[in-house]
């Protein structure tokens, strides 16, 4: 694969990681404060919601790290290795953990009658995107396992 393509991919991954980090540091606490002021009846949920969202950042950044590792392997022509399979497995598990955390959050807020439609829609979009990433990474991992097996067989037969 051409170097410039890998560099563009690294740049996009870095950009997404930085944007999410800046949103979590600056925008999210402000939005939580404003939401608590506008809706005092659910202000007690400010910190549990913030903690839940920050918890989802852990698997997100682990997936970002593993994606960087995968891009590095591709750059070194090591895409068809066990390490690439392991990275895809971790990315799949990270996406699944984001899905689980958001489903728990949506159910919790629904039980508390504190789930506005906009927040529900945002949660569903995040769940949908994480589902797509999870399925795509799992399919790629399955294909990569087959390719690694064929590659290993060819290496041993020569």
Foldseek 3Di string as FASTA:
>chain_A
DDPVVLVVVLVVLVVVLVVVVCCLVPVLLVVLVVVCVVPVVCNVCSVVVNVLVVVLVVLVVLLSVLVNVCSVCVVVVNNLDVSVLVSLVSLLVSLVVSLVSLVVVVVVCVVVVNQDPVNVVVSVVSNVVSVVSNVVSVVVSVVSVVVNVVVVVVVVVD
